[in-house]
Protein backbone atom coordinates (compact mmCIF):
# COMPACT_ATOMS: atom_id res chain seq x y z
CA MET A 1 -0.16 -0.18 0.22
CA ILE A 2 0.93 3.35 -1.34
CA SER A 3 1.17 6.16 1.39
CA PHE A 4 -0.35 9.83 0.37
CA ASN A 5 3.47 11.13 0.56
CA GLU A 6 4.92 8.26 -1.33
CA ILE A 7 2.56 8.91 -4.57
CA PRO A 8 4.73 11.45 -5.92
CA GLU A 9 7.70 8.92 -5.89
CA ALA A 10 5.76 6.64 -7.79
CA MET A 11 4.25 8.48 -10.05
CA SER A 12 7.83 9.17 -11.17
CA TYR A 13 8.87 5.48 -11.14
CA LEU A 14 5.93 4.81 -13.41
CA ILE A 15 6.42 7.74 -15.56
CA GLU A 16 10.29 6.47 -16.14
CA LYS A 17 8.59 2.76 -16.86
CA VAL A 18 6.28 3.86 -19.11
CA ASN A 19 9.53 6.35 -20.91
CA ASN A 20 11.45 3.02 -21.02
CA LEU A 21 8.56 1.27 -22.50
CA GLU A 22 7.69 3.64 -25.30
CA GLU A 23 11.37 3.79 -26.22
CA LEU A 24 11.39 0.02 -26.47
CA ILE A 25 8.77 -0.33 -29.17
CA ARG A 26 9.99 2.85 -31.14
CA THR A 27 13.30 1.29 -31.22
CA SER A 28 11.68 -2.14 -31.88
CA ALA A 29 9.32 -0.78 -34.66
CA ASN A 30 12.66 0.61 -36.89
CA THR A 31 14.66 -2.47 -37.18
CA GLN A 32 14.61 -4.25 -40.40
CA PRO A 33 13.68 -7.69 -40.12
CA ASP A 34 16.27 -10.34 -40.21
CA GLU A 35 17.74 -10.82 -44.00
CA ASP A 36 16.12 -13.67 -45.54
CA ILE A 37 18.00 -16.57 -45.31
CA TRP A 38 19.04 -18.85 -48.83
CA PHE A 39 19.03 -22.92 -48.03
CA ASN A 40 21.23 -25.18 -50.04
CA LEU A 41 19.61 -28.57 -51.28
CA GLU A 42 20.69 -30.51 -47.82
CA ALA A 43 20.16 -27.85 -45.48
CA LEU A 44 16.78 -27.35 -47.13
CA CYS A 45 15.74 -31.26 -46.45
CA ASN A 46 16.39 -30.65 -43.27
CA TYR A 47 14.47 -27.80 -42.63
CA LEU A 48 11.00 -29.66 -44.28
CA PRO A 49 8.98 -31.25 -41.59
CA ASP A 50 9.11 -34.85 -43.76
CA ARG A 51 13.25 -34.40 -43.84
CA PRO A 52 12.89 -35.26 -47.70
CA ALA A 53 15.66 -37.23 -49.52
CA LYS A 54 17.70 -35.04 -51.77
CA GLN A 55 16.67 -37.21 -55.13
CA THR A 56 12.50 -36.34 -53.56
CA VAL A 57 13.99 -32.51 -53.80
CA TYR A 58 15.65 -32.78 -57.14
CA GLY A 59 11.59 -34.77 -58.83
CA TRP A 60 9.53 -30.99 -57.50
CA VAL A 61 12.13 -28.88 -58.79
CA PHE A 62 12.09 -30.96 -61.79
CA GLN A 63 8.14 -30.40 -62.23
CA LYS A 64 7.97 -26.83 -60.96
CA LYS A 65 6.68 -28.01 -57.35
CA ILE A 66 8.69 -25.84 -55.62
CA PRO A 67 9.85 -22.60 -55.34
CA TYR A 68 14.05 -22.54 -56.45
CA HIS A 69 16.41 -20.46 -57.72
CA LYS A 70 19.14 -21.87 -59.95
CA LYS A 71 22.81 -20.19 -59.69
CA GLY A 72 24.80 -21.61 -61.86
CA LYS A 73 24.91 -24.87 -61.19
CA LYS A 74 23.49 -24.54 -57.91
CA LEU A 75 20.17 -24.87 -56.73
CA GLN A 76 18.87 -22.34 -53.88
CA PHE A 77 15.68 -21.82 -52.24
CA LEU A 78 14.32 -18.78 -50.09
CA LYS A 79 13.39 -19.55 -46.78
CA SER A 80 10.44 -16.94 -46.97
CA GLU A 81 9.32 -18.57 -50.09
CA ILE A 82 9.81 -22.05 -48.87
CA ASP A 83 7.58 -20.92 -46.11
CA GLU A 84 4.82 -19.66 -48.09
CA TRP A 85 4.90 -22.50 -50.16
CA LEU A 86 4.37 -25.14 -46.67
CA HIS A 87 1.52 -22.60 -45.43
CA SER A 88 -0.36 -22.27 -49.08
CA ASP A 89 -0.99 -26.52 -48.38
CA GLN A 90 1.12 -26.81 -52.21
CA MET A 91 3.38 -29.46 -50.47
CA PRO A 92 3.15 -32.46 -52.64
CA GLN A 93 1.94 -34.89 -51.46
CA GLU A 94 3.63 -38.84 -51.49
CA SER A 95 1.70 -41.00 -53.66
CA VAL A 96 2.28 -44.57 -53.89
CA VAL A 97 0.84 -46.07 -57.28
CA CYS A 98 -0.34 -49.63 -56.89
CA PRO A 99 0.63 -52.01 -59.62
CA PRO A 100 -2.52 -53.19 -61.18
CA ILE A 101 -3.30 -56.78 -59.37
CA ARG A 102 -3.63 -59.44 -62.05
CA LEU A 103 -5.37 -62.95 -61.09
CA ASN A 104 -4.22 -66.01 -62.59
CA LYS A 105 -6.93 -68.06 -63.15
CA ARG A 106 -6.47 -70.59 -65.16
CA ARG A 107 -8.78 -73.44 -66.00
CA ARG A 108 -8.47 -76.54 -66.26
């Protein structure tokens, strides 16, 4: 409980805290977001939730199912584009292709 005589000191303490909070808000609003991160193929495989094999990612690139950039012979992936791709539900679903079943019916 604060007494009547302690009110000015408590008010100056609160004003100082509010000023500090305003300064923190101002500085955090002015900071630039981190530069976007580039993944190579191995880093992308480790980043993706299903941890696909490199061959799987090569297949997605060939089918243009995943956003990628090619610099020379190297594939690169931009983290923000991969995140957007993951959130857009366009991630390829692994489909299992079953061979047709053949019933050998021999007449006797």
